[in-house]
Amino acid sequence: MASFNTSGCAEIEVPISSVSRLRAGIDELAAAYCRADHPELLRLLPSLGHLLPPLVLERLREVRYEEKYAALWVRSGPIADDPGATPAPTTTRHPGATCRYDIWLALLVAQLGDPI
């Protein structure tokens, strides 16, 4: 379901029916690449839009190609566990603690353009 307001911003929720499949895809990417800025993953990300629910992908395409919204909030994402306070000192956080969050964000952003 998408909602819109007068500021040109849109909000969309990841359908609950898509969360487990999306989480499994992100888990596979995290296991294979360990970090969202891995060069091979960065090359692969633009082609992984099929992992996203169709309505989320369509809204991202509207932002990218039509500049239809000034901002898009994607709610109810697939990563539910809390990685802890951010930013945290590097001595208190495991280097991969935010990997799944980072990959989720990179997957979304890659549908808007090339992450740099």
Protein backbone atom coordinates (compact mmCIF):
# COMPACT_ATOMS: atom_id res chain seq x y z
CA MET A 1 0.00 0.00 0.00
CA ALA A 2 1.34 3.44 -0.90
CA SER A 3 0.37 6.78 0.50
CA PHE A 4 1.26 10.26 -0.68
CA ASN A 5 1.26 13.69 0.87
CA THR A 6 1.30 17.20 -0.50
CA SER A 7 5.05 17.65 -0.05
CA GLY A 8 5.81 15.34 -2.96
CA CYS A 9 6.89 12.49 -0.71
CA ALA A 10 5.61 8.94 -0.91
CA GLU A 11 5.54 6.16 1.63
CA ILE A 12 5.26 2.47 0.87
CA GLU A 13 5.28 -0.66 3.01
CA VAL A 14 7.01 -3.87 2.08
CA PRO A 15 4.17 -6.40 1.91
CA ILE A 16 4.37 -8.92 4.75
CA SER A 17 4.03 -11.68 2.14
CA SER A 18 7.35 -10.55 0.58
CA VAL A 19 9.43 -10.16 3.74
CA SER A 20 10.66 -13.75 4.18
CA ARG A 21 11.71 -14.11 0.51
CA LEU A 22 13.44 -10.74 0.61
CA ARG A 23 15.17 -11.55 3.90
CA ALA A 24 16.42 -14.86 2.45
CA GLY A 25 17.88 -13.06 -0.57
CA ILE A 26 19.63 -10.51 1.64
CA ASP A 27 20.96 -13.28 3.89
CA GLU A 28 22.44 -15.03 0.85
CA LEU A 29 24.10 -11.82 -0.32
CA ALA A 30 25.47 -11.13 3.18
CA ALA A 31 26.90 -14.65 3.39
CA ALA A 32 28.50 -14.38 -0.04
CA TYR A 33 29.91 -10.84 0.17
CA CYS A 34 30.09 -9.96 3.90
CA ARG A 35 29.78 -6.22 3.19
CA ALA A 36 27.64 -3.94 1.05
CA ASP A 37 30.62 -2.19 -0.56
CA HIS A 38 32.17 -5.40 -1.91
CA PRO A 39 33.16 -4.62 -5.54
CA GLU A 40 31.48 -7.73 -6.96
CA LEU A 41 28.26 -7.01 -5.08
CA LEU A 42 28.25 -3.40 -6.28
CA ARG A 43 28.41 -4.62 -9.89
CA LEU A 44 25.61 -7.12 -9.23
CA LEU A 45 23.19 -4.88 -7.29
CA PRO A 46 21.48 -3.12 -10.24
CA SER A 47 20.42 -6.50 -11.64
CA LEU A 48 18.87 -7.63 -8.34
CA GLY A 49 15.73 -5.50 -8.53
CA HIS A 50 13.74 -8.71 -9.01
CA LEU A 51 14.30 -9.43 -5.29
CA LEU A 52 12.17 -6.41 -4.40
CA PRO A 53 8.37 -6.59 -4.25
CA PRO A 54 6.91 -5.28 -7.54
CA LEU A 55 5.21 -2.24 -5.98
CA VAL A 56 8.42 -1.18 -4.19
CA LEU A 57 10.39 -1.57 -7.42
CA GLU A 58 7.77 0.41 -9.34
CA ARG A 59 7.90 3.31 -6.83
CA LEU A 60 11.70 3.36 -7.01
CA ARG A 61 11.49 3.49 -10.82
CA GLU A 62 9.04 6.39 -10.57
CA VAL A 63 11.57 8.25 -8.43
CA ARG A 64 14.45 7.45 -10.78
CA TYR A 65 12.90 7.90 -14.19
CA GLU A 66 9.96 10.23 -13.64
CA GLU A 67 11.19 12.20 -10.62
CA LYS A 68 7.62 11.75 -9.41
CA TYR A 69 8.45 12.13 -5.69
CA ALA A 70 10.94 14.20 -3.73
CA ALA A 71 11.41 11.34 -1.28
CA LEU A 72 10.25 7.77 -0.83
CA TRP A 73 10.01 6.10 2.57
CA VAL A 74 10.12 2.32 2.44
CA ARG A 75 8.59 0.93 5.64
CA SER A 76 8.47 -2.54 7.18
CA GLY A 77 11.72 -3.71 5.65
CA PRO A 78 12.98 -7.28 5.92
CA ILE A 79 15.64 -6.71 8.59
CA ALA A 80 14.09 -6.71 12.06
CA ASP A 81 16.99 -7.40 14.42
CA ASP A 82 18.61 -4.40 16.10
CA PRO A 83 22.33 -3.93 15.33
CA GLY A 84 22.74 -1.60 18.33
CA ALA A 85 23.28 2.11 18.64
CA THR A 86 24.79 3.91 15.67
CA PRO A 87 27.35 5.15 15.41
CA ALA A 88 29.08 2.92 17.91
CA PRO A 89 32.78 2.70 18.69
CA THR A 90 34.43 0.16 16.42
CA THR A 91 35.70 -1.70 19.48
CA THR A 92 32.15 -2.52 20.66
CA ARG A 93 30.56 -3.58 17.38
CA HIS A 94 31.29 -6.61 15.25
CA PRO A 95 32.40 -5.42 11.76
CA GLY A 96 29.50 -7.26 10.12
CA ALA A 97 26.81 -6.15 12.58
CA THR A 98 25.11 -3.87 10.07
CA CYS A 99 25.88 -5.89 6.94
CA ARG A 100 22.29 -7.00 6.29
CA TYR A 101 20.99 -3.46 6.83
CA ASP A 102 23.67 -2.11 4.52
CA ILE A 103 22.80 -4.62 1.80
CA TRP A 104 19.08 -3.83 2.14
CA LEU A 105 19.80 -0.13 1.69
CA ALA A 106 22.23 -0.80 -1.17
CA LEU A 107 19.63 -2.96 -2.92
CA LEU A 108 17.12 -0.10 -2.78
CA VAL A 109 19.62 2.61 -3.74
CA ALA A 110 20.99 0.59 -6.67
CA GLN A 111 17.56 0.81 -8.29
CA LEU A 112 17.92 4.61 -8.26
CA GLY A 113 21.40 4.76 -9.79
CA ASP A 114 24.96 3.62 -9.27
CA PRO A 115 26.07 3.56 -5.64
CA ILE A 116 29.36 5.37 -5.21
